[in-house]
Amino acid sequence: KIMATFYNTKDPVFHVSVTGSPGIGKSLFYLYFFQRYRKANPEKQVLTASFSKRRKLQSCVLWNSLHDCETNNADPFIKLAGIPDGACEFYLYDGPPEIVAPLPTKMVAFPAPNKDWLSEAGRMEAHRAFYMPLWSSSEIGQANIELGLGLGEDTLQKRMSLFGGTVR
């Protein structure tokens, strides 16, 4: 649904926020989304950045395309001191960003509910917000497989009954 939002020609969107209550699994979904995007787009680079609750940059990494890594023996990633303009077509942020990706770069941010960020983002023309619902057991199982977490079915069932649809 998120990727389809970017390609809606009737109402163009370049920036998306995925938020939800603490513990709902935004960071796990961020990793899952990263893995799925790279597999679906092996010739594209991805810039990832993480931000503190106060919207300060903590780390920034430019991931080379899977294609370049396999065919050109490129390093998988390059650590950066800051977020460069136009580094690639897709920026993925964990936490509420202090800056947004320059248009027409596509950006997905995974912030915890942050009044300042959501208020600022809500005023952006090309922004949409999604609120994460609880995960189903099949979604948690699929994320477990995709991310190679190696959790057994018994462990997943125990966690589902204990924590509900949150991924802990």
C-alpha atoms as a PDB file:
ATOM      1  CA  LYS A   1       0.000   0.000   0.000  1.00  0.00           C
ATOM      2  CA  ILE A   2       2.842   2.406   0.816  1.00  0.00           C
ATOM      3  CA  MET A   3       4.655   1.852  -2.479  1.00  0.00           C
ATOM      4  CA  ALA A   4       1.388   2.125  -4.425  1.00  0.00           C
ATOM      5  CA  THR A   5       0.895   5.560  -2.829  1.00  0.00           C
ATOM      6  CA  PHE A   6       4.071   6.792  -4.526  1.00  0.00           C
ATOM      7  CA  TYR A   7       2.887   5.768  -7.966  1.00  0.00           C
ATOM      8  CA  ASN A   8      -0.628   7.208  -7.869  1.00  0.00           C
ATOM      9  CA  THR A   9      -0.459   9.584 -10.836  1.00  0.00           C
ATOM     10  CA  LYS A  10      -3.728  11.313  -9.927  1.00  0.00           C
ATOM     11  CA  ASP A  11      -2.475  12.560  -6.547  1.00  0.00           C
ATOM     12  CA  PRO A  12       1.361  12.416  -6.417  1.00  0.00           C
ATOM     13  CA  VAL A  13       2.933  11.625  -3.052  1.00  0.00           C
ATOM     14  CA  PHE A  14       6.651  11.759  -2.352  1.00  0.00           C
ATOM     15  CA  HIS A  15       6.813  11.569   1.457  1.00  0.00           C
ATOM     16  CA  VAL A  16       5.077   9.029   3.702  1.00  0.00           C
ATOM     17  CA  SER A  17       5.041   8.649   7.496  1.00  0.00           C
ATOM     18  CA  VAL A  18       4.177   5.335   9.134  1.00  0.00           C
ATOM     19  CA  THR A  19       3.398   5.859  12.798  1.00  0.00           C
ATOM     20  CA  GLY A  20       1.655   4.050  15.618  1.00  0.00           C
ATOM     21  CA  SER A  21       1.664   3.525  19.325  1.00  0.00           C
ATOM     22  CA  PRO A  22       4.944   2.657  21.084  1.00  0.00           C
ATOM     23  CA  GLY A  23       5.752  -1.045  20.801  1.00  0.00           C
ATOM     24  CA  ILE A  24       3.498  -1.632  17.786  1.00  0.00           C
ATOM     25  CA  GLY A  25       6.493  -2.678  15.684  1.00  0.00           C
ATOM     26  CA  LYS A  26       7.418   0.353  13.582  1.00  0.00           C
ATOM     27  CA  SER A  27      11.144  -0.409  13.742  1.00  0.00           C
ATOM     28  CA  LEU A  28      10.597  -4.051  12.811  1.00  0.00           C
ATOM     29  CA  PHE A  29       8.333  -2.968   9.948  1.00  0.00           C
ATOM     30  CA  TYR A  30      11.072  -0.504   8.912  1.00  0.00           C
ATOM     31  CA  LEU A  31      13.551  -3.416   8.596  1.00  0.00           C
ATOM     32  CA  TYR A  32      10.977  -5.562   6.805  1.00  0.00           C
ATOM     33  CA  PHE A  33      10.131  -2.705   4.416  1.00  0.00           C
ATOM     34  CA  PHE A  34      13.866  -2.122   3.742  1.00  0.00           C
ATOM     35  CA  GLN A  35      14.434  -5.804   2.895  1.00  0.00           C
ATOM     36  CA  ARG A  36      11.363  -6.009   0.655  1.00  0.00           C
ATOM     37  CA  TYR A  37      12.197  -2.774  -1.186  1.00  0.00           C
ATOM     38  CA  ARG A  38      15.778  -3.897  -1.902  1.00  0.00           C
ATOM     39  CA  LYS A  39      14.651  -7.281  -3.192  1.00  0.00           C
ATOM     40  CA  ALA A  40      12.017  -5.646  -5.418  1.00  0.00           C
ATOM     41  CA  ASN A  41      14.463  -2.960  -6.656  1.00  0.00           C
ATOM     42  CA  PRO A  42      17.894  -4.649  -6.847  1.00  0.00           C
ATOM     43  CA  GLU A  43      19.361  -1.950  -9.106  1.00  0.00           C
ATOM     44  CA  LYS A  44      18.498   0.962  -6.797  1.00  0.00           C
ATOM     45  CA  GLN A  45      20.416   2.483  -3.928  1.00  0.00           C
ATOM     46  CA  VAL A  46      18.691   3.313  -0.617  1.00  0.00           C
ATOM     47  CA  LEU A  47      19.634   5.955   1.925  1.00  0.00           C
ATOM     48  CA  THR A  48      18.758   5.054   5.523  1.00  0.00           C
ATOM     49  CA  ALA A  49      18.935   7.384   8.487  1.00  0.00           C
ATOM     50  CA  SER A  50      17.912   7.145  12.117  1.00  0.00           C
ATOM     51  CA  PHE A  51      16.808  10.034  14.292  1.00  0.00           C
ATOM     52  CA  SER A  52      16.399  10.574  18.023  1.00  0.00           C
ATOM     53  CA  LYS A  53      13.045  11.437  19.591  1.00  0.00           C
ATOM     54  CA  ARG A  54      14.173  15.057  19.389  1.00  0.00           C
ATOM     55  CA  ARG A  55      14.621  14.685  15.613  1.00  0.00           C
ATOM     56  CA  LYS A  56      18.431  14.771  15.607  1.00  0.00           C
ATOM     57  CA  LEU A  57      20.357  12.638  13.117  1.00  0.00           C
ATOM     58  CA  GLN A  58      22.021   9.641  14.775  1.00  0.00           C
ATOM     59  CA  SER A  59      23.301   7.715  11.756  1.00  0.00           C
ATOM     60  CA  CYS A  60      23.133   7.852   7.975  1.00  0.00           C
ATOM     61  CA  VAL A  61      24.033   5.093   5.504  1.00  0.00           C
ATOM     62  CA  LEU A  62      23.898   4.939   1.716  1.00  0.00           C
ATOM     63  CA  TRP A  63      23.267   1.335   0.652  1.00  0.00           C
ATOM     64  CA  ASN A  64      24.651   0.389  -2.734  1.00  0.00           C
ATOM     65  CA  SER A  65      22.322  -1.492  -5.031  1.00  0.00           C
ATOM     66  CA  LEU A  66      22.227  -5.263  -4.645  1.00  0.00           C
ATOM     67  CA  HIS A  67      23.159  -5.418  -8.328  1.00  0.00           C
ATOM     68  CA  ASP A  68      26.367  -3.376  -7.787  1.00  0.00           C
ATOM     69  CA  CYS A  69      27.263  -5.462  -4.750  1.00  0.00           C
ATOM     70  CA  GLU A  70      26.924  -8.706  -6.700  1.00  0.00           C
ATOM     71  CA  THR A  71      28.335  -7.740 -10.106  1.00  0.00           C
ATOM     72  CA  ASN A  72      30.897  -5.057  -9.231  1.00  0.00           C
ATOM     73  CA  ASN A  73      31.933  -6.327  -5.806  1.00  0.00           C
ATOM     74  CA  ALA A  74      30.880  -2.966  -4.335  1.00  0.00           C
ATOM     75  CA  ASP A  75      30.823  -2.478  -0.579  1.00  0.00           C
ATOM     76  CA  PRO A  76      27.270  -2.999   0.700  1.00  0.00           C
ATOM     77  CA  PHE A  77      27.070   0.475   2.258  1.00  0.00           C
ATOM     78  CA  ILE A  78      28.833   3.764   2.903  1.00  0.00           C
ATOM     79  CA  LYS A  79      28.440   5.544   6.252  1.00  0.00           C
ATOM     80  CA  LEU A  80      27.800   9.261   5.836  1.00  0.00           C
ATOM     81  CA  ALA A  81      28.208  12.161   8.265  1.00  0.00           C
ATOM     82  CA  GLY A  82      25.009  13.843   7.073  1.00  0.00           C
ATOM     83  CA  ILE A  83      22.146  13.496   4.649  1.00  0.00           C
ATOM     84  CA  PRO A  84      23.185  14.587   1.160  1.00  0.00           C
ATOM     85  CA  ASP A  85      20.680  16.021  -1.319  1.00  0.00           C
ATOM     86  CA  GLY A  86      19.893  13.714  -4.204  1.00  0.00           C
ATOM     87  CA  ALA A  87      22.020  10.776  -3.042  1.00  0.00           C
ATOM     88  CA  CYS A  88      19.476   8.350  -4.509  1.00  0.00           C
ATOM     89  CA  GLU A  89      15.776   8.012  -5.333  1.00  0.00           C
ATOM     90  CA  PHE A  90      14.629   6.557  -2.009  1.00  0.00           C
ATOM     91  CA  TYR A  91      15.233   7.657   1.608  1.00  0.00           C
ATOM     92  CA  LEU A  92      14.116   5.518   4.539  1.00  0.00           C
ATOM     93  CA  TYR A  93      14.041   7.136   8.004  1.00  0.00           C
ATOM     94  CA  ASP A  94      13.683   5.489  11.420  1.00  0.00           C
ATOM     95  CA  GLY A  95      12.327   8.131  13.772  1.00  0.00           C
ATOM     96  CA  PRO A  96      11.003  11.638  13.198  1.00  0.00           C
ATOM     97  CA  PRO A  97      13.391  13.371  10.783  1.00  0.00           C
ATOM     98  CA  GLU A  98      14.791  16.842  11.256  1.00  0.00           C
ATOM     99  CA  ILE A  99      14.747  17.322   7.478  1.00  0.00           C
ATOM    100  CA  VAL A 100      12.761  15.732   4.674  1.00  0.00           C
ATOM    101  CA  ALA A 101      14.168  14.297   1.494  1.00  0.00           C
ATOM    102  CA  PRO A 102      14.279  16.843  -1.337  1.00  0.00           C
ATOM    103  CA  LEU A 103      11.547  16.461  -3.968  1.00  0.00           C
ATOM    104  CA  PRO A 104      11.187  14.376  -6.108  1.00  0.00           C
ATOM    105  CA  THR A 105      13.034  11.919  -3.843  1.00  0.00           C
ATOM    106  CA  LYS A 106      10.694   9.403  -2.229  1.00  0.00           C
ATOM    107  CA  MET A 107      10.884   9.153   1.551  1.00  0.00           C
ATOM    108  CA  VAL A 108       9.281   6.871   4.122  1.00  0.00           C
ATOM    109  CA  ALA A 109       9.676   7.872   7.781  1.00  0.00           C
ATOM    110  CA  PHE A 110       8.800   5.564  10.679  1.00  0.00           C
ATOM    111  CA  PRO A 111       8.386   7.915  13.663  1.00  0.00           C
ATOM    112  CA  ALA A 112       6.738   7.202  16.983  1.00  0.00           C
ATOM    113  CA  PRO A 113       3.853   9.615  17.428  1.00  0.00           C
ATOM    114  CA  ASN A 114       5.584  12.993  17.415  1.00  0.00           C
ATOM    115  CA  LYS A 115       3.336  16.038  17.494  1.00  0.00           C
ATOM    116  CA  ASP A 116       5.908  18.382  15.938  1.00  0.00           C
ATOM    117  CA  TRP A 117       6.758  16.049  13.061  1.00  0.00           C
ATOM    118  CA  LEU A 118       3.185  15.025  12.289  1.00  0.00           C
ATOM    119  CA  SER A 119       2.048  18.659  12.382  1.00  0.00           C
ATOM    120  CA  GLU A 120       4.861  19.729  10.058  1.00  0.00           C
ATOM    121  CA  ALA A 121       4.369  16.757   7.737  1.00  0.00           C
ATOM    122  CA  GLY A 122       0.607  17.346   7.646  1.00  0.00           C
ATOM    123  CA  ARG A 123       1.227  20.719   6.039  1.00  0.00           C
ATOM    124  CA  MET A 124       3.285  19.184   3.226  1.00  0.00           C
ATOM    125  CA  GLU A 125       1.477  18.883  -0.066  1.00  0.00           C
ATOM    126  CA  ALA A 126       3.033  15.608  -1.158  1.00  0.00           C
ATOM    127  CA  HIS A 127       2.846  13.782   2.218  1.00  0.00           C
ATOM    128  CA  ARG A 128       0.581  11.017   3.516  1.00  0.00           C
ATOM    129  CA  ALA A 129       0.471   9.438   6.970  1.00  0.00           C
ATOM    130  CA  PHE A 130      -0.362   5.818   7.736  1.00  0.00           C
ATOM    131  CA  TYR A 131      -1.131   4.530  11.223  1.00  0.00           C
ATOM    132  CA  MET A 132      -0.005   0.988  11.989  1.00  0.00           C
ATOM    133  CA  PRO A 133      -2.663  -1.396  13.212  1.00  0.00           C
ATOM    134  CA  LEU A 134      -1.853  -4.421  15.339  1.00  0.00           C
ATOM    135  CA  TRP A 135      -0.018  -7.164  13.456  1.00  0.00           C
ATOM    136  CA  SER A 136      -1.773 -10.441  12.620  1.00  0.00           C
ATOM    137  CA  SER A 137       0.007 -13.678  13.551  1.00  0.00           C
ATOM    138  CA  SER A 138       0.590 -14.425   9.849  1.00  0.00           C
ATOM    139  CA  GLU A 139       2.209 -10.986   9.346  1.00  0.00           C
ATOM    140  CA  ILE A 140       4.495 -11.556  12.325  1.00  0.00           C
ATOM    141  CA  GLY A 141       5.366 -14.993  10.937  1.00  0.00           C
ATOM    142  CA  GLN A 142       6.170 -13.525   7.504  1.00  0.00           C
ATOM    143  CA  ALA A 143       8.390 -10.813   9.044  1.00  0.00           C
ATOM    144  CA  ASN A 144      10.165 -13.526  11.064  1.00  0.00           C
ATOM    145  CA  ILE A 145      10.948 -15.398   7.830  1.00  0.00           C
ATOM    146  CA  GLU A 146      11.872 -12.319   5.738  1.00  0.00           C
ATOM    147  CA  LEU A 147      14.220 -10.946   8.400  1.00  0.00           C
ATOM    148  CA  GLY A 148      15.710 -14.336   9.242  1.00  0.00           C
ATOM    149  CA  LEU A 149      14.960 -13.957  12.946  1.00  0.00           C
ATOM    150  CA  GLY A 150      14.739 -17.717  13.409  1.00  0.00           C
ATOM    151  CA  LEU A 151      11.970 -17.647  16.004  1.00  0.00           C
ATOM    152  CA  GLY A 152      10.093 -20.939  16.272  1.00  0.00           C
ATOM    153  CA  GLU A 153       6.331 -21.287  15.903  1.00  0.00           C
ATOM    154  CA  ASP A 154       5.945 -21.945  19.664  1.00  0.00           C
ATOM    155  CA  THR A 155       7.835 -18.744  20.522  1.00  0.00           C
ATOM    156  CA  LEU A 156       5.742 -16.715  18.063  1.00  0.00           C
ATOM    157  CA  GLN A 157       2.499 -18.140  19.478  1.00  0.00           C
ATOM    158  CA  LYS A 158       3.561 -17.425  23.084  1.00  0.00           C
ATOM    159  CA  ARG A 159       4.481 -13.842  22.191  1.00  0.00           C
ATOM    160  CA  MET A 160       1.239 -13.364  20.265  1.00  0.00           C
ATOM    161  CA  SER A 161      -0.843 -14.521  23.228  1.00  0.00           C
ATOM    162  CA  LEU A 162       1.216 -12.453  25.682  1.00  0.00           C
ATOM    163  CA  PHE A 163       1.650  -9.210  23.719  1.00  0.00           C
ATOM    164  CA  GLY A 164      -1.210  -9.369  21.211  1.00  0.00           C
ATOM    165  CA  GLY A 165      -0.461  -7.881  17.813  1.00  0.00           C
ATOM    166  CA  THR A 166       2.681  -6.053  18.866  1.00  0.00           C
ATOM    167  CA  VAL A 167       6.059  -7.434  17.857  1.00  0.00           C
ATOM    168  CA  ARG A 168       8.048  -7.964  21.038  1.00  0.00           C
END
